[in-house]
Amino acid sequence: PVAVMTDHALQMHSEDIEEQLRTEDGEIEEQLHKLEQMVKLLIHGKFTPEQAHYFCLHALPRSTSAALRLRLPHGLAQRLAGYLHFVLEAAAALLRRPDHWQVAEVVRVILTDAQAYHFYATSAA
């Protein structure tokens, strides 16, 4: 596969998304969109094997975990649910390929951690 970005650029881009989700800086919608675009690159084989390994085992699970920790109003909670659905569908497709077993890590994060996090605002102030 031909990499669409360098290893360093992938790592920096991934860390920036995770940090913005963790600190709630920037548009949450925009960060989820960036993650979806990166998942699409993975699905279409645009990452090198090393990049796919890093993205599946580290970047995507960490960013998804950060997104799950957010307290969101209803509209954004719906958007997050859509993102999780997209990632789970992509993971199911990738798990059919023997070279993408690492994507199981993000599935583990979603299935085991989601119930511990909040998908709603604490109050309507």
Protein backbone atom coordinates (compact mmCIF):
# COMPACT_ATOMS: atom_id res chain seq x y z
CA PRO A 1 0.00 0.00 0.00
CA VAL A 2 1.03 3.57 -0.65
CA ALA A 3 0.98 5.67 2.50
CA VAL A 4 -1.00 8.89 2.22
CA MET A 5 0.98 10.38 5.09
CA THR A 6 4.26 9.73 6.82
CA ASP A 7 4.40 7.73 10.03
CA HIS A 8 5.23 10.91 11.93
CA ALA A 9 2.33 12.82 10.36
CA LEU A 10 -0.07 9.98 11.23
CA GLN A 11 1.12 9.95 14.82
CA MET A 12 0.91 13.74 15.18
CA HIS A 13 -2.54 13.89 13.55
CA SER A 14 -3.80 11.07 15.78
CA GLU A 15 -2.39 12.63 18.94
CA ASP A 16 -3.91 16.00 18.04
CA ILE A 17 -7.37 14.45 17.63
CA GLU A 18 -7.04 12.54 20.90
CA GLU A 19 -5.86 15.65 22.76
CA GLN A 20 -8.70 17.79 21.39
CA LEU A 21 -11.24 15.14 22.42
CA ARG A 22 -9.65 14.70 25.84
CA THR A 23 -9.56 18.44 26.57
CA GLU A 24 -12.76 19.18 24.65
CA ASP A 25 -10.89 21.78 22.60
CA GLY A 26 -12.19 22.35 19.12
CA GLU A 27 -15.28 20.97 17.48
CA ILE A 28 -16.14 17.45 18.64
CA GLU A 29 -18.01 16.87 15.38
CA GLU A 30 -14.88 17.81 13.44
CA GLN A 31 -12.69 15.43 15.45
CA LEU A 32 -15.11 12.54 14.94
CA HIS A 33 -15.17 13.32 11.22
CA LYS A 34 -11.35 13.23 11.10
CA LEU A 35 -11.36 9.85 12.84
CA GLU A 36 -13.92 8.51 10.37
CA GLN A 37 -11.76 9.70 7.49
CA MET A 38 -8.76 7.91 8.95
CA VAL A 39 -10.81 4.70 9.36
CA LYS A 40 -11.77 5.00 5.69
CA LEU A 41 -8.08 5.27 4.78
CA LEU A 42 -7.46 2.10 6.79
CA ILE A 43 -10.33 0.26 5.09
CA HIS A 44 -9.08 1.24 1.64
CA GLY A 45 -5.52 0.10 2.37
CA LYS A 46 -3.95 3.56 2.39
CA PHE A 47 -1.82 2.88 5.46
CA THR A 48 1.37 0.87 5.48
CA PRO A 49 1.22 -2.27 7.66
CA GLU A 50 3.11 -0.40 10.39
CA GLN A 51 0.71 2.55 10.21
CA ALA A 52 -2.31 0.24 10.29
CA HIS A 53 -0.84 -1.51 13.34
CA TYR A 54 -0.28 1.81 15.15
CA PHE A 55 -3.70 3.18 14.20
CA CYS A 56 -5.62 0.03 15.17
CA LEU A 57 -3.80 -0.76 18.42
CA HIS A 58 -3.09 2.71 19.70
CA ALA A 59 -4.54 5.79 17.99
CA LEU A 60 -8.09 4.65 17.27
CA PRO A 61 -8.72 2.98 20.66
CA ARG A 62 -7.30 5.96 22.59
CA SER A 63 -9.27 8.53 20.60
CA THR A 64 -12.44 6.48 20.86
CA SER A 65 -11.93 6.10 24.60
CA ALA A 66 -11.47 9.88 24.92
CA ALA A 67 -14.69 10.44 22.95
CA LEU A 68 -16.58 8.03 25.20
CA ARG A 69 -15.57 10.05 28.26
CA LEU A 70 -17.24 13.22 27.02
CA ARG A 71 -20.46 14.48 28.55
CA LEU A 72 -22.46 15.51 25.54
CA PRO A 73 -25.79 17.14 24.83
CA HIS A 74 -28.30 14.97 22.99
CA GLY A 75 -27.35 16.03 19.46
CA LEU A 76 -23.66 15.34 19.93
CA ALA A 77 -24.42 12.13 21.82
CA GLN A 78 -26.35 10.98 18.75
CA ARG A 79 -23.36 11.91 16.57
CA LEU A 80 -21.04 9.94 18.85
CA ALA A 81 -23.39 6.95 18.64
CA GLY A 82 -23.21 7.24 14.84
CA TYR A 83 -19.41 7.31 15.01
CA LEU A 84 -19.34 4.21 17.22
CA HIS A 85 -21.68 2.42 14.82
CA PHE A 86 -19.43 3.35 11.89
CA VAL A 87 -16.31 2.13 13.68
CA LEU A 88 -17.93 -1.15 14.71
CA GLU A 89 -19.10 -1.80 11.14
CA ALA A 90 -15.63 -1.01 9.82
CA ALA A 91 -14.05 -3.25 12.45
CA ALA A 92 -16.38 -6.12 11.52
CA ALA A 93 -15.36 -5.76 7.87
CA LEU A 94 -11.65 -5.54 8.75
CA LEU A 95 -11.78 -8.55 11.05
CA ARG A 96 -12.67 -10.66 8.01
CA ARG A 97 -9.17 -9.90 6.72
CA PRO A 98 -6.34 -11.84 8.36
CA ASP A 99 -3.98 -8.84 8.33
CA HIS A 100 -6.18 -6.52 10.39
CA TRP A 101 -6.68 -8.46 13.64
CA GLN A 102 -5.42 -5.40 15.58
CA VAL A 103 -8.71 -3.58 15.00
CA ALA A 104 -10.19 -5.86 17.67
CA GLU A 105 -8.65 -3.50 20.25
CA VAL A 106 -11.02 -0.65 19.39
CA VAL A 107 -13.95 -3.09 19.52
CA ARG A 108 -12.82 -4.10 23.02
CA VAL A 109 -12.70 -0.44 24.08
CA ILE A 110 -16.19 0.23 22.75
CA LEU A 111 -17.78 -2.91 24.14
CA THR A 112 -16.15 -2.88 27.58
CA ASP A 113 -15.79 0.84 28.28
CA ALA A 114 -18.91 2.36 26.73
CA GLN A 115 -21.19 1.41 29.60
CA ALA A 116 -18.95 3.26 32.08
CA TYR A 117 -19.16 6.58 30.24
CA HIS A 118 -21.83 9.21 29.84
CA PHE A 119 -23.73 9.78 26.64
CA TYR A 120 -25.84 12.59 28.00
CA ALA A 121 -25.54 16.01 29.57
CA THR A 122 -25.85 15.96 33.36
CA SER A 123 -28.56 18.59 33.37
CA ALA A 124 -30.43 20.97 31.13
CA ALA A 125 -29.19 24.23 32.60
